[in-house]
Amino acid sequence: NMASHKDFHHDNAPRHLFTSVDRDAISGATFKAFDNLLSFYNEPDADVQELVTSDWLFAIDAFLDAVTITPVMKRAQQYLTSQGHE
């Protein structure tokens, strides 16, 4: 991680990881749930105690629900089931 240790709004990397992002990719339910979940992670200091609220837990569940219904995760579940994992 080449960002500063206190200011996480910049990156010192010499090249961008992405040059653009398709609008469709960030308008779906999974990204929206992820973005909502990120709003609860606003304290970058690991020494500061986090207060987990019911809203935060709801955001976690909503994100996991959104992820698990994606085609990729459904395929992963099918594979695991075929291998005897439930």
PDB file of N, CA and C in Angstrom:
ATOM      1  N   ASN A   1       0.842  -1.169   0.000  1.00  0.00           N
ATOM      2  CA  ASN A   1       0.000   0.000   0.000  1.00  0.00           C
ATOM      3  C   ASN A   1       0.886   1.230   0.000  1.00  0.00           C
ATOM      4  N   MET A   2       0.751   2.015  -1.020  1.00  0.00           N
ATOM      5  CA  MET A   2       1.603   3.191  -1.125  1.00  0.00           C
ATOM      6  C   MET A   2       0.900   4.460  -0.674  1.00  0.00           C
ATOM      7  N   ALA A   3      -0.300   4.339  -0.131  1.00  0.00           N
ATOM      8  CA  ALA A   3      -0.993   5.515   0.389  1.00  0.00           C
ATOM      9  C   ALA A   3      -0.337   5.934   1.695  1.00  0.00           C
ATOM     10  N   SER A   4      -0.583   7.163   2.094  1.00  0.00           N
ATOM     11  CA  SER A   4      -0.024   7.593   3.374  1.00  0.00           C
ATOM     12  C   SER A   4      -0.709   6.814   4.488  1.00  0.00           C
ATOM     13  N   HIS A   5      -0.163   6.890   5.662  1.00  0.00           N
ATOM     14  CA  HIS A   5      -0.709   6.108   6.770  1.00  0.00           C
ATOM     15  C   HIS A   5      -1.919   6.765   7.420  1.00  0.00           C
ATOM     16  N   LYS A   6      -2.168   8.033   7.144  1.00  0.00           N
ATOM     17  CA  LYS A   6      -3.301   8.727   7.755  1.00  0.00           C
ATOM     18  C   LYS A   6      -4.291   9.280   6.734  1.00  0.00           C
ATOM     19  N   ASP A   7      -3.840   9.605   5.548  1.00  0.00           N
ATOM     20  CA  ASP A   7      -4.721  10.169   4.524  1.00  0.00           C
ATOM     21  C   ASP A   7      -4.940   9.124   3.444  1.00  0.00           C
ATOM     22  N   PHE A   8      -6.118   8.513   3.443  1.00  0.00           N
ATOM     23  CA  PHE A   8      -6.406   7.414   2.525  1.00  0.00           C
ATOM     24  C   PHE A   8      -7.086   7.891   1.240  1.00  0.00           C
ATOM     25  N   HIS A   9      -7.039   9.190   0.971  1.00  0.00           N
ATOM     26  CA  HIS A   9      -7.710   9.734  -0.200  1.00  0.00           C
ATOM     27  C   HIS A   9      -6.757   9.982  -1.362  1.00  0.00           C
ATOM     28  N   HIS A  10      -5.552   9.483  -1.262  1.00  0.00           N
ATOM     29  CA  HIS A  10      -4.621   9.593  -2.381  1.00  0.00           C
ATOM     30  C   HIS A  10      -3.775   8.326  -2.457  1.00  0.00           C
ATOM     31  N   ASP A  11      -3.114   8.168  -3.561  1.00  0.00           N
ATOM     32  CA  ASP A  11      -2.287   6.988  -3.793  1.00  0.00           C
ATOM     33  C   ASP A  11      -1.011   7.437  -4.490  1.00  0.00           C
ATOM     34  N   ASN A  12       0.123   6.993  -3.993  1.00  0.00           N
ATOM     35  CA  ASN A  12       1.404   7.383  -4.576  1.00  0.00           C
ATOM     36  C   ASN A  12       1.890   6.416  -5.647  1.00  0.00           C
ATOM     37  N   ALA A  13       1.081   5.438  -6.014  1.00  0.00           N
ATOM     38  CA  ALA A  13       1.491   4.464  -7.032  1.00  0.00           C
ATOM     39  C   ALA A  13       1.755   5.187  -8.353  1.00  0.00           C
ATOM     40  N   PRO A  14       2.748   4.749  -9.108  1.00  0.00           N
ATOM     41  CA  PRO A  14       3.094   5.440 -10.350  1.00  0.00           C
ATOM     42  C   PRO A  14       2.048   5.293 -11.457  1.00  0.00           C
ATOM     43  N   ARG A  15       1.237   4.248 -11.412  1.00  0.00           N
ATOM     44  CA  ARG A  15       0.213   4.039 -12.452  1.00  0.00           C
ATOM     45  C   ARG A  15      -1.117   3.697 -11.797  1.00  0.00           C
ATOM     46  N   HIS A  16      -2.203   4.053 -12.472  1.00  0.00           N
ATOM     47  CA  HIS A  16      -3.542   3.746 -11.980  1.00  0.00           C
ATOM     48  C   HIS A  16      -3.852   2.261 -12.146  1.00  0.00           C
ATOM     49  N   LEU A  17      -4.564   1.691 -11.190  1.00  0.00           N
ATOM     50  CA  LEU A  17      -5.015   0.309 -11.308  1.00  0.00           C
ATOM     51  C   LEU A  17      -6.097   0.205 -12.385  1.00  0.00           C
ATOM     52  N   PHE A  18      -6.990   1.192 -12.443  1.00  0.00           N
ATOM     53  CA  PHE A  18      -8.046   1.246 -13.452  1.00  0.00           C
ATOM     54  C   PHE A  18      -7.949   2.574 -14.185  1.00  0.00           C
ATOM     55  N   THR A  19      -8.217   2.552 -15.476  1.00  0.00           N
ATOM     56  CA  THR A  19      -8.287   3.807 -16.218  1.00  0.00           C
ATOM     57  C   THR A  19      -9.727   4.277 -16.341  1.00  0.00           C
ATOM     58  N   SER A  20     -10.675   3.342 -16.246  1.00  0.00           N
ATOM     59  CA  SER A  20     -12.092   3.689 -16.264  1.00  0.00           C
ATOM     60  C   SER A  20     -12.885   2.524 -15.680  1.00  0.00           C
ATOM     61  N   VAL A  21     -14.115   2.820 -15.317  1.00  0.00           N
ATOM     62  CA  VAL A  21     -15.017   1.800 -14.786  1.00  0.00           C
ATOM     63  C   VAL A  21     -16.346   1.945 -15.510  1.00  0.00           C
ATOM     64  N   ASP A  22     -16.849   0.851 -16.031  1.00  0.00           N
ATOM     65  CA  ASP A  22     -18.132   0.839 -16.733  1.00  0.00           C
ATOM     66  C   ASP A  22     -19.246   1.224 -15.758  1.00  0.00           C
ATOM     67  N   ARG A  23     -20.072   2.179 -16.144  1.00  0.00           N
ATOM     68  CA  ARG A  23     -21.176   2.634 -15.287  1.00  0.00           C
ATOM     69  C   ARG A  23     -22.098   1.486 -14.876  1.00  0.00           C
ATOM     70  N   ASP A  24     -22.308   0.524 -15.766  1.00  0.00           N
ATOM     71  CA  ASP A  24     -23.172  -0.609 -15.430  1.00  0.00           C
ATOM     72  C   ASP A  24     -22.608  -1.409 -14.259  1.00  0.00           C
ATOM     73  N   ALA A  25     -21.292  -1.448 -14.153  1.00  0.00           N
ATOM     74  CA  ALA A  25     -20.658  -2.216 -13.079  1.00  0.00           C
ATOM     75  C   ALA A  25     -20.919  -1.600 -11.712  1.00  0.00           C
ATOM     76  N   ILE A  26     -21.090  -0.294 -11.666  1.00  0.00           N
ATOM     77  CA  ILE A  26     -21.298   0.356 -10.371  1.00  0.00           C
ATOM     78  C   ILE A  26     -22.754   0.730 -10.114  1.00  0.00           C
ATOM     79  N   SER A  27     -23.640   0.293 -10.979  1.00  0.00           N
ATOM     80  CA  SER A  27     -25.055   0.596 -10.768  1.00  0.00           C
ATOM     81  C   SER A  27     -25.838  -0.627 -10.307  1.00  0.00           C
ATOM     82  N   GLY A  28     -25.170  -1.764 -10.204  1.00  0.00           N
ATOM     83  CA  GLY A  28     -25.850  -2.990  -9.804  1.00  0.00           C
ATOM     84  C   GLY A  28     -26.039  -3.112  -8.302  1.00  0.00           C
ATOM     85  N   ALA A  29     -26.838  -4.063  -7.913  1.00  0.00           N
ATOM     86  CA  ALA A  29     -27.176  -4.274  -6.505  1.00  0.00           C
ATOM     87  C   ALA A  29     -25.959  -4.635  -5.663  1.00  0.00           C
ATOM     88  N   THR A  30     -25.053  -5.423  -6.221  1.00  0.00           N
ATOM     89  CA  THR A  30     -23.884  -5.841  -5.447  1.00  0.00           C
ATOM     90  C   THR A  30     -23.004  -4.649  -5.110  1.00  0.00           C
ATOM     91  N   PHE A  31     -22.730  -3.796  -6.093  1.00  0.00           N
ATOM     92  CA  PHE A  31     -21.885  -2.631  -5.823  1.00  0.00           C
ATOM     93  C   PHE A  31     -22.577  -1.669  -4.872  1.00  0.00           C
ATOM     94  N   LYS A  32     -23.871  -1.468  -5.042  1.00  0.00           N
ATOM     95  CA  LYS A  32     -24.597  -0.560  -4.147  1.00  0.00           C
ATOM     96  C   LYS A  32     -24.544  -1.062  -2.709  1.00  0.00           C
ATOM     97  N   ALA A  33     -24.704  -2.370  -2.527  1.00  0.00           N
ATOM     98  CA  ALA A  33     -24.623  -2.938  -1.180  1.00  0.00           C
ATOM     99  C   ALA A  33     -23.208  -2.797  -0.622  1.00  0.00           C
ATOM    100  N   PHE A  34     -22.203  -2.988  -1.481  1.00  0.00           N
ATOM    101  CA  PHE A  34     -20.813  -2.827  -1.062  1.00  0.00           C
ATOM    102  C   PHE A  34     -20.529  -1.381  -0.674  1.00  0.00           C
ATOM    103  N   ASP A  35     -20.982  -0.450  -1.488  1.00  0.00           N
ATOM    104  CA  ASP A  35     -20.771   0.970  -1.214  1.00  0.00           C
ATOM    105  C   ASP A  35     -21.425   1.365   0.106  1.00  0.00           C
ATOM    106  N   ASN A  36     -22.631   0.860   0.350  1.00  0.00           N
ATOM    107  CA  ASN A  36     -23.307   1.130   1.618  1.00  0.00           C
ATOM    108  C   ASN A  36     -22.507   0.553   2.780  1.00  0.00           C
ATOM    109  N   LEU A  37     -21.999  -0.651   2.613  1.00  0.00           N
ATOM    110  CA  LEU A  37     -21.203  -1.284   3.664  1.00  0.00           C
ATOM    111  C   LEU A  37     -19.934  -0.479   3.943  1.00  0.00           C
ATOM    112  N   LEU A  38     -19.291   0.026   2.907  1.00  0.00           N
ATOM    113  CA  LEU A  38     -18.070   0.819   3.095  1.00  0.00           C
ATOM    114  C   LEU A  38     -18.300   2.051   3.955  1.00  0.00           C
ATOM    115  N   SER A  39     -19.506   2.581   3.917  1.00  0.00           N
ATOM    116  CA  SER A  39     -19.785   3.789   4.696  1.00  0.00           C
ATOM    117  C   SER A  39     -19.620   3.554   6.197  1.00  0.00           C
ATOM    118  N   PHE A  40     -19.643   2.311   6.625  1.00  0.00           N
ATOM    119  CA  PHE A  40     -19.467   1.998   8.044  1.00  0.00           C
ATOM    120  C   PHE A  40     -17.994   1.855   8.428  1.00  0.00           C
ATOM    121  N   TYR A  41     -17.126   1.756   7.449  1.00  0.00           N
ATOM    122  CA  TYR A  41     -15.690   1.612   7.707  1.00  0.00           C
ATOM    123  C   TYR A  41     -15.008   2.953   7.472  1.00  0.00           C
ATOM    124  N   ASN A  42     -15.178   3.863   8.422  1.00  0.00           N
ATOM    125  CA  ASN A  42     -14.652   5.208   8.237  1.00  0.00           C
ATOM    126  C   ASN A  42     -13.519   5.548   9.198  1.00  0.00           C
ATOM    127  N   GLU A  43     -13.080   4.609   9.998  1.00  0.00           N
ATOM    128  CA  GLU A  43     -11.992   4.852  10.942  1.00  0.00           C
ATOM    129  C   GLU A  43     -10.792   3.996  10.563  1.00  0.00           C
ATOM    130  N   PRO A  44      -9.780   4.607   9.924  1.00  0.00           N
ATOM    131  CA  PRO A  44      -8.633   3.812   9.471  1.00  0.00           C
ATOM    132  C   PRO A  44      -7.673   3.405  10.589  1.00  0.00           C
ATOM    133  N   ASP A  45      -7.883   3.895  11.791  1.00  0.00           N
ATOM    134  CA  ASP A  45      -6.977   3.598  12.900  1.00  0.00           C
ATOM    135  C   ASP A  45      -7.397   2.300  13.585  1.00  0.00           C
ATOM    136  N   ALA A  46      -6.554   1.291  13.504  1.00  0.00           N
ATOM    137  CA  ALA A  46      -6.869  -0.018  14.090  1.00  0.00           C
ATOM    138  C   ALA A  46      -6.913   0.029  15.608  1.00  0.00           C
ATOM    139  N   ASP A  47      -6.390   1.090  16.206  1.00  0.00           N
ATOM    140  CA  ASP A  47      -6.391   1.202  17.663  1.00  0.00           C
ATOM    141  C   ASP A  47      -7.680   1.809  18.206  1.00  0.00           C
ATOM    142  N   VAL A  48      -8.566   2.254  17.321  1.00  0.00           N
ATOM    143  CA  VAL A  48      -9.829   2.857  17.740  1.00  0.00           C
ATOM    144  C   VAL A  48     -10.916   1.789  17.728  1.00  0.00           C
ATOM    145  N   GLN A  49     -11.606   1.639  18.845  1.00  0.00           N
ATOM    146  CA  GLN A  49     -12.672   0.649  18.981  1.00  0.00           C
ATOM    147  C   GLN A  49     -13.832   0.986  18.041  1.00  0.00           C
ATOM    148  N   GLU A  50     -14.311   0.001  17.300  1.00  0.00           N
ATOM    149  CA  GLU A  50     -15.467   0.196  16.422  1.00  0.00           C
ATOM    150  C   GLU A  50     -16.744  -0.106  17.197  1.00  0.00           C
ATOM    151  N   LEU A  51     -17.764   0.674  16.940  1.00  0.00           N
ATOM    152  CA  LEU A  51     -19.071   0.438  17.535  1.00  0.00           C
ATOM    153  C   LEU A  51     -19.963  -0.158  16.449  1.00  0.00           C
ATOM    154  N   VAL A  52     -20.210  -1.450  16.540  1.00  0.00           N
ATOM    155  CA  VAL A  52     -21.019  -2.142  15.539  1.00  0.00           C
ATOM    156  C   VAL A  52     -22.488  -1.954  15.898  1.00  0.00           C
ATOM    157  N   THR A  53     -23.222  -1.323  14.990  1.00  0.00           N
ATOM    158  CA  THR A  53     -24.638  -1.041  15.212  1.00  0.00           C
ATOM    159  C   THR A  53     -25.506  -2.038  14.450  1.00  0.00           C
ATOM    160  N   SER A  54     -26.790  -2.002  14.728  1.00  0.00           N
ATOM    161  CA  SER A  54     -27.714  -2.877  13.997  1.00  0.00           C
ATOM    162  C   SER A  54     -27.742  -2.498  12.513  1.00  0.00           C
ATOM    163  N   ASP A  55     -27.592  -1.211  12.203  1.00  0.00           N
ATOM    164  CA  ASP A  55     -27.534  -0.781  10.798  1.00  0.00           C
ATOM    165  C   ASP A  55     -26.309  -1.360  10.101  1.00  0.00           C
ATOM    166  N   TRP A  56     -25.198  -1.406  10.812  1.00  0.00           N
ATOM    167  CA  TRP A  56     -23.963  -1.958  10.255  1.00  0.00           C
ATOM    168  C   TRP A  56     -24.139  -3.448   9.989  1.00  0.00           C
ATOM    169  N   LEU A  57     -24.714  -4.163  10.934  1.00  0.00           N
ATOM    170  CA  LEU A  57     -24.957  -5.598  10.751  1.00  0.00           C
ATOM    171  C   LEU A  57     -25.916  -5.841   9.590  1.00  0.00           C
ATOM    172  N   PHE A  58     -26.919  -4.983   9.456  1.00  0.00           N
ATOM    173  CA  PHE A  58     -27.856  -5.092   8.337  1.00  0.00           C
ATOM    174  C   PHE A  58     -27.122  -4.889   7.013  1.00  0.00           C
ATOM    175  N   ALA A  59     -26.200  -3.920   6.970  1.00  0.00           N
ATOM    176  CA  ALA A  59     -25.428  -3.655   5.749  1.00  0.00           C
ATOM    177  C   ALA A  59     -24.545  -4.847   5.396  1.00  0.00           C
ATOM    178  N   ILE A  60     -23.971  -5.494   6.401  1.00  0.00           N
ATOM    179  CA  ILE A  60     -23.164  -6.696   6.161  1.00  0.00           C
ATOM    180  C   ILE A  60     -24.028  -7.790   5.554  1.00  0.00           C
ATOM    181  N   ASP A  61     -25.183  -8.035   6.160  1.00  0.00           N
ATOM    182  CA  ASP A  61     -26.090  -9.066   5.647  1.00  0.00           C
ATOM    183  C   ASP A  61     -26.567  -8.743   4.233  1.00  0.00           C
ATOM    184  N   ALA A  62     -26.887  -7.479   3.981  1.00  0.00           N
ATOM    185  CA  ALA A  62     -27.361  -7.078   2.650  1.00  0.00           C
ATOM    186  C   ALA A  62     -26.273  -7.299   1.599  1.00  0.00           C
ATOM    187  N   PHE A  63     -25.030  -6.992   1.950  1.00  0.00           N
ATOM    188  CA  PHE A  63     -23.929  -7.211   1.013  1.00  0.00           C
ATOM    189  C   PHE A  63     -23.738  -8.700   0.750  1.00  0.00           C
ATOM    190  N   LEU A  64     -23.722  -9.506   1.799  1.00  0.00           N
ATOM    191  CA  LEU A  64     -23.554 -10.952   1.613  1.00  0.00           C
ATOM    192  C   LEU A  64     -24.701 -11.541   0.800  1.00  0.00           C
ATOM    193  N   ASP A  65     -25.921 -11.076   1.053  1.00  0.00           N
ATOM    194  CA  ASP A  65     -27.066 -11.539   0.263  1.00  0.00           C
ATOM    195  C   ASP A  65     -26.890 -11.171  -1.209  1.00  0.00           C
ATOM    196  N   ALA A  66     -26.447  -9.944  -1.473  1.00  0.00           N
ATOM    197  CA  ALA A  66     -26.259  -9.497  -2.859  1.00  0.00           C
ATOM    198  C   ALA A  66     -25.168 -10.306  -3.556  1.00  0.00           C
ATOM    199  N   VAL A  67     -24.102 -10.608  -2.842  1.00  0.00           N
ATOM    200  CA  VAL A  67     -22.996 -11.367  -3.431  1.00  0.00           C
ATOM    201  C   VAL A  67     -23.404 -12.805  -3.711  1.00  0.00           C
ATOM    202  N   THR A  68     -24.108 -13.423  -2.782  1.00  0.00           N
ATOM    203  CA  THR A  68     -24.411 -14.850  -2.925  1.00  0.00           C
ATOM    204  C   THR A  68     -25.419 -15.156  -4.027  1.00  0.00           C
ATOM    205  N   ILE A  69     -26.124 -14.154  -4.528  1.00  0.00           N
ATOM    206  CA  ILE A  69     -27.066 -14.431  -5.624  1.00  0.00           C
ATOM    207  C   ILE A  69     -26.471 -14.127  -7.001  1.00  0.00           C
ATOM    208  N   THR A  70     -25.201 -13.742  -7.047  1.00  0.00           N
ATOM    209  CA  THR A  70     -24.565 -13.479  -8.343  1.00  0.00           C
ATOM    210  C   THR A  70     -24.302 -14.798  -9.067  1.00  0.00           C
ATOM    211  N   PRO A  71     -24.252 -14.775 -10.389  1.00  0.00           N
ATOM    212  CA  PRO A  71     -23.978 -16.007 -11.144  1.00  0.00           C
ATOM    213  C   PRO A  71     -22.666 -16.689 -10.734  1.00  0.00           C
ATOM    214  N   VAL A  72     -21.650 -15.901 -10.438  1.00  0.00           N
ATOM    215  CA  VAL A  72     -20.362 -16.479 -10.041  1.00  0.00           C
ATOM    216  C   VAL A  72     -20.504 -17.270  -8.746  1.00  0.00           C
ATOM    217  N   MET A  73     -21.186 -16.701  -7.772  1.00  0.00           N
ATOM    218  CA  MET A  73     -21.336 -17.393  -6.487  1.00  0.00           C
ATOM    219  C   MET A  73     -22.283 -18.587  -6.603  1.00  0.00           C
ATOM    220  N   LYS A  74     -23.296 -18.482  -7.454  1.00  0.00           N
ATOM    221  CA  LYS A  74     -24.171 -19.639  -7.666  1.00  0.00           C
ATOM    222  C   LYS A  74     -23.384 -20.792  -8.275  1.00  0.00           C
ATOM    223  N   ARG A  75     -22.509 -20.465  -9.211  1.00  0.00           N
ATOM    224  CA  ARG A  75     -21.666 -21.499  -9.831  1.00  0.00           C
ATOM    225  C   ARG A  75     -20.704 -22.092  -8.810  1.00  0.00           C
ATOM    226  N   ALA A  76     -20.141 -21.260  -7.968  1.00  0.00           N
ATOM    227  CA  ALA A  76     -19.241 -21.747  -6.917  1.00  0.00           C
ATOM    228  C   ALA A  76     -19.987 -22.678  -5.969  1.00  0.00           C
ATOM    229  N   GLN A  77     -21.222 -22.322  -5.635  1.00  0.00           N
ATOM    230  CA  GLN A  77     -22.025 -23.175  -4.755  1.00  0.00           C
ATOM    231  C   GLN A  77     -22.332 -24.513  -5.436  1.00  0.00           C
ATOM    232  N   GLN A  78     -22.650 -24.481  -6.721  1.00  0.00           N
ATOM    233  CA  GLN A  78     -22.895 -25.723  -7.454  1.00  0.00           C
ATOM    234  C   GLN A  78     -21.662 -26.613  -7.438  1.00  0.00           C
ATOM    235  N   TYR A  79     -20.508 -26.031  -7.661  1.00  0.00           N
ATOM    236  CA  TYR A  79     -19.271 -26.800  -7.663  1.00  0.00           C
ATOM    237  C   TYR A  79     -19.018 -27.416  -6.292  1.00  0.00           C
ATOM    238  N   LEU A  80     -19.138 -26.621  -5.251  1.00  0.00           N
ATOM    239  CA  LEU A  80     -18.895 -27.142  -3.904  1.00  0.00           C
ATOM    240  C   LEU A  80     -19.874 -28.257  -3.554  1.00  0.00           C
ATOM    241  N   THR A  81     -21.126 -28.088  -3.946  1.00  0.00           N
ATOM    242  CA  THR A  81     -22.120 -29.132  -3.703  1.00  0.00           C
ATOM    243  C   THR A  81     -21.755 -30.400  -4.462  1.00  0.00           C
ATOM    244  N   SER A  82     -21.286 -30.258  -5.697  1.00  0.00           N
ATOM    245  CA  SER A  82     -20.897 -31.437  -6.487  1.00  0.00           C
ATOM    246  C   SER A  82     -19.691 -32.152  -5.885  1.00  0.00           C
ATOM    247  N   GLN A  83     -18.923 -31.440  -5.077  1.00  0.00           N
ATOM    248  CA  GLN A  83     -17.751 -32.023  -4.426  1.00  0.00           C
ATOM    249  C   GLN A  83     -18.071 -32.545  -3.019  1.00  0.00           C
ATOM    250  N   GLY A  84     -19.355 -32.517  -2.673  1.00  0.00           N
ATOM    251  CA  GLY A  84     -19.774 -33.048  -1.379  1.00  0.00           C
ATOM    252  C   GLY A  84     -19.761 -32.049  -0.238  1.00  0.00           C
ATOM    253  N   HIS A  85     -19.602 -30.781  -0.539  1.00  0.00           N
ATOM    254  CA  HIS A  85     -19.622 -29.733   0.493  1.00  0.00           C
ATOM    255  C   HIS A  85     -20.982 -29.060   0.464  1.00  0.00           C
ATOM    256  N   GLU A  86     -21.535 -28.836   1.615  1.00  0.00           N
ATOM    257  CA  GLU A  86     -22.857 -28.190   1.665  1.00  0.00           C
ATOM    258  C   GLU A  86     -22.807 -26.896   2.408  1.00  0.00           C
TER     259      GLU A  86
END
